[in-house]
PDB file of N, CA and C in Angstrom:
ATOM      1  N   MET A   1       5.612   4.561 -12.324  1.00  0.00           N
ATOM      2  CA  MET A   1       4.345   4.211 -11.281  1.00  0.00           C
ATOM      3  C   MET A   1       4.981   4.865 -10.168  1.00  0.00           C
ATOM      4  N   SER A   2       4.696   5.783  -9.380  1.00  0.00           N
ATOM      5  CA  SER A   2       5.043   5.978  -7.438  1.00  0.00           C
ATOM      6  C   SER A   2       5.435   5.061  -6.936  1.00  0.00           C
ATOM      7  N   ARG A   3       5.897   5.011  -5.978  1.00  0.00           N
ATOM      8  CA  ARG A   3       6.138   3.739  -4.379  1.00  0.00           C
ATOM      9  C   ARG A   3       4.707   3.871  -3.426  1.00  0.00           C
ATOM     10  N   VAL A   4       3.498   4.147  -3.840  1.00  0.00           N
ATOM     11  CA  VAL A   4       2.022   4.570  -3.397  1.00  0.00           C
ATOM     12  C   VAL A   4       1.521   3.205  -3.228  1.00  0.00           C
ATOM     13  N   CYS A   5       1.368   2.349  -2.038  1.00  0.00           N
ATOM     14  CA  CYS A   5      -0.257   1.607  -1.865  1.00  0.00           C
ATOM     15  C   CYS A   5      -1.644   2.267  -2.895  1.00  0.00           C
ATOM     16  N   GLU A   6      -2.001   1.220  -3.213  1.00  0.00           N
ATOM     17  CA  GLU A   6      -3.324   2.006  -3.876  1.00  0.00           C
ATOM     18  C   GLU A   6      -4.421   1.274  -3.223  1.00  0.00           C
ATOM     19  N   LEU A   7      -4.297   0.546  -1.928  1.00  0.00           N
ATOM     20  CA  LEU A   7      -5.927   0.659  -1.744  1.00  0.00           C
ATOM     21  C   LEU A   7      -5.669   1.520   0.110  1.00  0.00           C
ATOM     22  N   THR A   8      -4.424   1.518   0.461  1.00  0.00           N
ATOM     23  CA  THR A   8      -4.324   2.464   1.975  1.00  0.00           C
ATOM     24  C   THR A   8      -3.878   3.771   1.886  1.00  0.00           C
ATOM     25  N   GLY A   9      -2.751   4.110   1.090  1.00  0.00           N
ATOM     26  CA  GLY A   9      -2.391   5.828   0.432  1.00  0.00           C
ATOM     27  C   GLY A   9      -0.750   6.059   1.211  1.00  0.00           C
ATOM     28  N   LYS A  10      -0.796   4.735   1.627  1.00  0.00           N
ATOM     29  CA  LYS A  10       0.942   5.005   2.288  1.00  0.00           C
ATOM     30  C   LYS A  10       2.105   5.317   0.922  1.00  0.00           C
ATOM     31  N   LYS A  11       2.861   5.735   1.560  1.00  0.00           N
ATOM     32  CA  LYS A  11       4.026   6.188   0.651  1.00  0.00           C
ATOM     33  C   LYS A  11       5.624   6.364   1.746  1.00  0.00           C
ATOM     34  N   ALA A  12       6.449   6.638   1.069  1.00  0.00           N
ATOM     35  CA  ALA A  12       7.561   7.500   1.462  1.00  0.00           C
ATOM     36  C   ALA A  12       7.595   8.067   2.793  1.00  0.00           C
ATOM     37  N   MET A  13       8.507   8.248   3.900  1.00  0.00           N
ATOM     38  CA  MET A  13       8.345   8.760   4.891  1.00  0.00           C
ATOM     39  C   MET A  13      10.390   8.986   4.296  1.00  0.00           C
ATOM     40  N   VAL A  14      10.271  10.803   4.841  1.00  0.00           N
ATOM     41  CA  VAL A  14      11.592  11.425   4.646  1.00  0.00           C
ATOM     42  C   VAL A  14      12.106  10.806   6.630  1.00  0.00           C
ATOM     43  N   GLY A  15      12.977  10.772   6.355  1.00  0.00           N
ATOM     44  CA  GLY A  15      13.949  10.925   8.366  1.00  0.00           C
ATOM     45  C   GLY A  15      15.407  10.926   8.109  1.00  0.00           C
ATOM     46  N   ASN A  16      16.448  10.773   8.810  1.00  0.00           N
ATOM     47  CA  ASN A  16      17.212  10.692   8.713  1.00  0.00           C
ATOM     48  C   ASN A  16      18.331   9.795   9.471  1.00  0.00           C
ATOM     49  N   ASN A  17      19.721   9.867   8.288  1.00  0.00           N
ATOM     50  CA  ASN A  17      19.742   8.676   8.829  1.00  0.00           C
ATOM     51  C   ASN A  17      21.611   8.883   9.962  1.00  0.00           C
ATOM     52  N   VAL A  18      21.804   8.444  11.187  1.00  0.00           N
ATOM     53  CA  VAL A  18      22.182   9.258  12.157  1.00  0.00           C
ATOM     54  C   VAL A  18      23.598   8.380  11.896  1.00  0.00           C
ATOM     55  N   SER A  19      24.904   8.463  12.284  1.00  0.00           N
ATOM     56  CA  SER A  19      26.545   7.970  12.489  1.00  0.00           C
ATOM     57  C   SER A  19      26.233   8.082  14.497  1.00  0.00           C
ATOM     58  N   HIS A  20      27.140   6.956  14.074  1.00  0.00           N
ATOM     59  CA  HIS A  20      27.637   7.089  15.464  1.00  0.00           C
ATOM     60  C   HIS A  20      28.537   8.144  15.969  1.00  0.00           C
ATOM     61  N   ALA A  21      28.744   9.429  15.591  1.00  0.00           N
ATOM     62  CA  ALA A  21      28.963  10.246  15.593  1.00  0.00           C
ATOM     63  C   ALA A  21      28.091  11.189  15.180  1.00  0.00           C
ATOM     64  N   MET A  22      27.022  10.990  15.487  1.00  0.00           N
ATOM     65  CA  MET A  22      25.298  11.490  15.202  1.00  0.00           C
ATOM     66  C   MET A  22      25.105  12.931  14.350  1.00  0.00           C
ATOM     67  N   ASN A  23      25.977  12.815  13.280  1.00  0.00           N
ATOM     68  CA  ASN A  23      25.817  13.457  11.831  1.00  0.00           C
ATOM     69  C   ASN A  23      24.544  12.764  11.361  1.00  0.00           C
ATOM     70  N   LYS A  24      23.990  13.695  10.713  1.00  0.00           N
ATOM     71  CA  LYS A  24      22.935  13.365  10.112  1.00  0.00           C
ATOM     72  C   LYS A  24      22.803  13.548   8.858  1.00  0.00           C
ATOM     73  N   THR A  25      21.980  12.803   7.986  1.00  0.00           N
ATOM     74  CA  THR A  25      21.451  12.400   6.364  1.00  0.00           C
ATOM     75  C   THR A  25      20.517  12.484   5.675  1.00  0.00           C
ATOM     76  N   LYS A  26      20.615  13.013   5.102  1.00  0.00           N
ATOM     77  CA  LYS A  26      18.037  12.947   4.926  1.00  0.00           C
ATOM     78  C   LYS A  26      18.291  11.354   3.930  1.00  0.00           C
ATOM     79  N   ARG A  27      17.562  10.643   4.284  1.00  0.00           N
ATOM     80  CA  ARG A  27      17.145   9.206   3.300  1.00  0.00           C
ATOM     81  C   ARG A  27      15.469   9.030   3.744  1.00  0.00           C
ATOM     82  N   LYS A  28      14.897   7.937   3.044  1.00  0.00           N
ATOM     83  CA  LYS A  28      13.767   8.058   2.798  1.00  0.00           C
ATOM     84  C   LYS A  28      13.842   6.752   2.944  1.00  0.00           C
ATOM     85  N   PHE A  29      12.320   6.201   3.696  1.00  0.00           N
ATOM     86  CA  PHE A  29      11.815   5.011   4.646  1.00  0.00           C
ATOM     87  C   PHE A  29      10.356   4.614   3.020  1.00  0.00           C
ATOM     88  N   ASN A  30      10.869   3.275   2.045  1.00  0.00           N
ATOM     89  CA  ASN A  30       9.950   3.495   1.883  1.00  0.00           C
ATOM     90  C   ASN A  30       8.766   2.515   1.965  1.00  0.00           C
ATOM     91  N   ALA A  31       7.539   2.244   1.322  1.00  0.00           N
ATOM     92  CA  ALA A  31       6.901   1.520   2.205  1.00  0.00           C
ATOM     93  C   ALA A  31       7.606  -0.080   1.229  1.00  0.00           C
ATOM     94  N   ASN A  32       6.504  -1.117   2.302  1.00  0.00           N
ATOM     95  CA  ASN A  32       6.921  -2.233   1.639  1.00  0.00           C
ATOM     96  C   ASN A  32       5.696  -2.507   1.266  1.00  0.00           C
ATOM     97  N   LEU A  33       6.360  -2.587  -0.227  1.00  0.00           N
ATOM     98  CA  LEU A  33       4.635  -2.650  -1.837  1.00  0.00           C
ATOM     99  C   LEU A  33       5.044  -4.635  -2.322  1.00  0.00           C
ATOM    100  N   VAL A  34       4.010  -4.079  -2.464  1.00  0.00           N
ATOM    101  CA  VAL A  34       4.370  -5.617  -3.715  1.00  0.00           C
ATOM    102  C   VAL A  34       2.983  -5.505  -4.582  1.00  0.00           C
ATOM    103  N   LYS A  35       3.425  -6.271  -5.647  1.00  0.00           N
ATOM    104  CA  LYS A  35       2.740  -6.023  -7.142  1.00  0.00           C
ATOM    105  C   LYS A  35       1.915  -7.874  -7.293  1.00  0.00           C
ATOM    106  N   LYS A  36       0.398  -7.493  -6.629  1.00  0.00           N
ATOM    107  CA  LYS A  36      -0.416  -8.348  -6.213  1.00  0.00           C
ATOM    108  C   LYS A  36      -1.754  -8.773  -7.243  1.00  0.00           C
ATOM    109  N   ARG A  37      -1.816  -9.686  -7.715  1.00  0.00           N
ATOM    110  CA  ARG A  37      -3.374  -9.633  -7.915  1.00  0.00           C
ATOM    111  C   ARG A  37      -3.772 -10.205  -8.018  1.00  0.00           C
ATOM    112  N   PHE A  38      -5.475 -10.409  -7.366  1.00  0.00           N
ATOM    113  CA  PHE A  38      -6.477 -10.685  -6.751  1.00  0.00           C
ATOM    114  C   PHE A  38      -8.112 -11.006  -7.717  1.00  0.00           C
ATOM    115  N   PHE A  39      -8.547 -11.863  -7.120  1.00  0.00           N
ATOM    116  CA  PHE A  39      -9.386 -12.406  -7.857  1.00  0.00           C
ATOM    117  C   PHE A  39     -10.707 -11.729  -7.222  1.00  0.00           C
ATOM    118  N   ILE A  40     -12.348 -11.441  -7.760  1.00  0.00           N
ATOM    119  CA  ILE A  40     -12.871 -10.739  -7.236  1.00  0.00           C
ATOM    120  C   ILE A  40     -14.084 -10.900  -8.059  1.00  0.00           C
ATOM    121  N   PRO A  41     -14.751 -12.126  -7.036  1.00  0.00           N
ATOM    122  CA  PRO A  41     -15.739 -13.055  -7.449  1.00  0.00           C
ATOM    123  C   PRO A  41     -17.082 -12.276  -7.890  1.00  0.00           C
ATOM    124  N   GLU A  42     -17.711 -11.207  -7.377  1.00  0.00           N
ATOM    125  CA  GLU A  42     -18.471 -10.482  -7.729  1.00  0.00           C
ATOM    126  C   GLU A  42     -18.726  -9.517  -9.154  1.00  0.00           C
ATOM    127  N   GLU A  43     -17.388  -9.185  -9.201  1.00  0.00           N
ATOM    128  CA  GLU A  43     -17.328  -8.780 -10.734  1.00  0.00           C
ATOM    129  C   GLU A  43     -16.704  -9.749 -11.175  1.00  0.00           C
ATOM    130  N   ASP A  44     -16.158 -11.048 -11.177  1.00  0.00           N
ATOM    131  CA  ASP A  44     -16.009 -12.780 -12.001  1.00  0.00           C
ATOM    132  C   ASP A  44     -14.407 -12.002 -12.857  1.00  0.00           C
ATOM    133  N   ARG A  45     -13.666 -10.860 -12.078  1.00  0.00           N
ATOM    134  CA  ARG A  45     -12.431 -10.620 -13.199  1.00  0.00           C
ATOM    135  C   ARG A  45     -11.301 -10.778 -11.962  1.00  0.00           C
ATOM    136  N   TRP A  46      -9.796 -10.709 -12.447  1.00  0.00           N
ATOM    137  CA  TRP A  46      -9.138 -10.364 -11.780  1.00  0.00           C
ATOM    138  C   TRP A  46      -8.405  -8.471 -11.758  1.00  0.00           C
ATOM    139  N   VAL A  47      -7.703  -8.306 -10.844  1.00  0.00           N
ATOM    140  CA  VAL A  47      -6.989  -6.752 -11.144  1.00  0.00           C
ATOM    141  C   VAL A  47      -5.878  -7.162 -10.230  1.00  0.00           C
ATOM    142  N   THR A  48      -4.775  -6.504 -10.846  1.00  0.00           N
ATOM    143  CA  THR A  48      -3.679  -6.622 -10.348  1.00  0.00           C
ATOM    144  C   THR A  48      -3.619  -4.611  -9.285  1.00  0.00           C
ATOM    145  N   LEU A  49      -3.185  -4.793  -8.282  1.00  0.00           N
ATOM    146  CA  LEU A  49      -2.890  -3.583  -7.454  1.00  0.00           C
ATOM    147  C   LEU A  49      -1.895  -3.979  -6.705  1.00  0.00           C
ATOM    148  N   LYS A  50      -0.723  -2.272  -6.899  1.00  0.00           N
ATOM    149  CA  LYS A  50       0.187  -2.659  -6.442  1.00  0.00           C
ATOM    150  C   LYS A  50      -0.282  -1.947  -4.658  1.00  0.00           C
ATOM    151  N   VAL A  51       0.176  -3.055  -3.662  1.00  0.00           N
ATOM    152  CA  VAL A  51      -0.122  -2.725  -1.795  1.00  0.00           C
ATOM    153  C   VAL A  51       0.800  -3.694  -1.053  1.00  0.00           C
ATOM    154  N   CYS A  52       0.466  -2.565  -0.235  1.00  0.00           N
ATOM    155  CA  CYS A  52       1.732  -2.484   1.499  1.00  0.00           C
ATOM    156  C   CYS A  52       1.606  -3.892   1.803  1.00  0.00           C
ATOM    157  N   THR A  53       2.222  -4.374   2.813  1.00  0.00           N
ATOM    158  CA  THR A  53       2.445  -5.721   3.487  1.00  0.00           C
ATOM    159  C   THR A  53       1.288  -5.441   4.376  1.00  0.00           C
ATOM    160  N   SER A  54       0.854  -4.557   5.000  1.00  0.00           N
ATOM    161  CA  SER A  54      -0.088  -4.172   6.127  1.00  0.00           C
ATOM    162  C   SER A  54      -1.809  -4.123   5.472  1.00  0.00           C
ATOM    163  N   ALA A  55      -1.805  -3.615   4.701  1.00  0.00           N
ATOM    164  CA  ALA A  55      -2.846  -4.450   3.032  1.00  0.00           C
ATOM    165  C   ALA A  55      -3.781  -5.286   2.895  1.00  0.00           C
ATOM    166  N   LEU A  56      -2.150  -6.292   2.956  1.00  0.00           N
ATOM    167  CA  LEU A  56      -2.517  -7.610   2.538  1.00  0.00           C
ATOM    168  C   LEU A  56      -3.033  -8.600   3.288  1.00  0.00           C
ATOM    169  N   LYS A  57      -2.644  -7.943   4.742  1.00  0.00           N
ATOM    170  CA  LYS A  57      -3.299  -8.199   5.953  1.00  0.00           C
ATOM    171  C   LYS A  57      -4.122  -8.655   6.321  1.00  0.00           C
ATOM    172  N   ASP A  58      -4.947  -7.000   5.671  1.00  0.00           N
ATOM    173  CA  ASP A  58      -6.302  -6.442   6.092  1.00  0.00           C
ATOM    174  C   ASP A  58      -6.966  -6.954   5.153  1.00  0.00           C
ATOM    175  N   ILE A  59      -6.298  -7.559   3.969  1.00  0.00           N
ATOM    176  CA  ILE A  59      -6.982  -8.414   2.766  1.00  0.00           C
ATOM    177  C   ILE A  59      -7.965  -9.493   3.276  1.00  0.00           C
ATOM    178  N   ASN A  60      -5.998 -10.426   4.104  1.00  0.00           N
ATOM    179  CA  ASN A  60      -6.485 -11.683   4.396  1.00  0.00           C
ATOM    180  C   ASN A  60      -7.681 -11.738   5.605  1.00  0.00           C
ATOM    181  N   LYS A  61      -7.917 -10.643   6.942  1.00  0.00           N
ATOM    182  CA  LYS A  61      -9.056 -10.852   7.184  1.00  0.00           C
ATOM    183  C   LYS A  61     -10.147 -10.531   6.168  1.00  0.00           C
ATOM    184  N   LYS A  62     -10.466  -9.236   6.398  1.00  0.00           N
ATOM    185  CA  LYS A  62     -11.882  -8.921   6.074  1.00  0.00           C
ATOM    186  C   LYS A  62     -12.428  -9.736   4.819  1.00  0.00           C
ATOM    187  N   GLY A  63     -11.368  -9.535   3.745  1.00  0.00           N
ATOM    188  CA  GLY A  63     -11.698 -10.034   2.467  1.00  0.00           C
ATOM    189  C   GLY A  63     -11.284  -8.370   1.190  1.00  0.00           C
ATOM    190  N   ILE A  64     -10.735  -9.162  -0.234  1.00  0.00           N
ATOM    191  CA  ILE A  64     -10.854  -8.125  -1.234  1.00  0.00           C
ATOM    192  C   ILE A  64     -12.138  -7.119  -0.747  1.00  0.00           C
ATOM    193  N   SER A  65     -13.427  -7.830  -1.146  1.00  0.00           N
ATOM    194  CA  SER A  65     -13.710  -6.855  -1.773  1.00  0.00           C
ATOM    195  C   SER A  65     -14.529  -5.424  -0.228  1.00  0.00           C
ATOM    196  N   ALA A  66     -14.340  -6.577   0.762  1.00  0.00           N
ATOM    197  CA  ALA A  66     -14.535  -5.538   1.635  1.00  0.00           C
ATOM    198  C   ALA A  66     -13.489  -4.117   1.068  1.00  0.00           C
ATOM    199  N   VAL A  67     -12.194  -4.450   1.618  1.00  0.00           N
ATOM    200  CA  VAL A  67     -10.723  -3.490   1.658  1.00  0.00           C
ATOM    201  C   VAL A  67     -10.583  -2.783   0.467  1.00  0.00           C
ATOM    202  N   ILE A  68     -10.957  -3.205  -0.898  1.00  0.00           N
ATOM    203  CA  ILE A  68     -11.883  -1.998  -1.752  1.00  0.00           C
ATOM    204  C   ILE A  68     -12.966  -1.180  -1.690  1.00  0.00           C
ATOM    205  N   LYS A  69     -13.525  -1.577  -1.283  1.00  0.00           N
ATOM    206  CA  LYS A  69     -15.030  -0.337  -0.684  1.00  0.00           C
ATOM    207  C   LYS A  69     -14.149   0.574   0.202  1.00  0.00           C
ATOM    208  N   GLU A  70     -13.490  -0.095   1.146  1.00  0.00           N
ATOM    209  CA  GLU A  70     -12.826   1.038   1.714  1.00  0.00           C
ATOM    210  C   GLU A  70     -12.249   2.524   1.344  1.00  0.00           C
ATOM    211  N   ALA A  71     -11.462   1.904  -0.267  1.00  0.00           N
ATOM    212  CA  ALA A  71     -10.526   2.541  -0.249  1.00  0.00           C
ATOM    213  C   ALA A  71     -11.288   3.279  -1.277  1.00  0.00           C
ATOM    214  N   LYS A  72     -12.337   2.705  -2.526  1.00  0.00           N
ATOM    215  CA  LYS A  72     -12.819   3.888  -2.712  1.00  0.00           C
ATOM    216  C   LYS A  72     -13.072   4.652  -1.615  1.00  0.00           C
ATOM    217  N   ALA A  73     -14.406   4.291  -0.722  1.00  0.00           N
ATOM    218  CA  ALA A  73     -15.334   5.966   0.225  1.00  0.00           C
ATOM    219  C   ALA A  73     -13.872   7.038   0.650  1.00  0.00           C
ATOM    220  N   LYS A  74     -12.862   6.682   0.396  1.00  0.00           N
ATOM    221  CA  LYS A  74     -11.458   7.350   0.704  1.00  0.00           C
ATOM    222  C   LYS A  74     -10.840   7.275   0.298  1.00  0.00           C
ATOM    223  N   GLY A  75     -11.611   7.313  -0.738  1.00  0.00           N
ATOM    224  CA  GLY A  75     -10.904   7.910  -2.049  1.00  0.00           C
ATOM    225  C   GLY A  75      -9.550   7.723  -2.911  1.00  0.00           C
ATOM    226  N   PHE A  76      -8.934   6.208  -2.335  1.00  0.00           N
ATOM    227  CA  PHE A  76      -7.338   6.379  -2.785  1.00  0.00           C
ATOM    228  C   PHE A  76      -7.241   5.117  -4.392  1.00  0.00           C
ATOM    229  N   LEU A  77      -8.743   4.808  -4.724  1.00  0.00           N
ATOM    230  CA  LEU A  77      -9.101   3.280  -5.655  1.00  0.00           C
ATOM    231  C   LEU A  77      -9.890   4.529  -6.344  1.00  0.00           C
ATOM    232  N   GLN A  78     -10.082   4.782  -7.671  1.00  0.00           N
ATOM    233  CA  GLN A  78     -11.091   5.582  -8.232  1.00  0.00           C
ATOM    234  C   GLN A  78     -11.547   4.313  -9.135  1.00  0.00           C
ATOM    235  N   LYS A  79     -11.251   3.033  -9.402  1.00  0.00           N
ATOM    236  CA  LYS A  79     -11.557   2.402 -10.570  1.00  0.00           C
ATOM    237  C   LYS A  79     -12.909   2.322  -9.160  1.00  0.00           C
TER     238      LYS A  79
END
């Protein structure tokens, strides 16, 4: 499974490691992902999602149902 947030679509970015001598080598900045189980009361079931920590903050603020609804509208979640 790829390192992509299932709710926001965040994924790895590409950048450079820069040494003190200004030598540049390619590197990846991975998204801060966590595998987490959520209970959806409307469907009365548990779902496991791989989400970034910024999505966890959104879930705490808005609720899991609202965030899943937004993700489906944006096309990130197909379930």
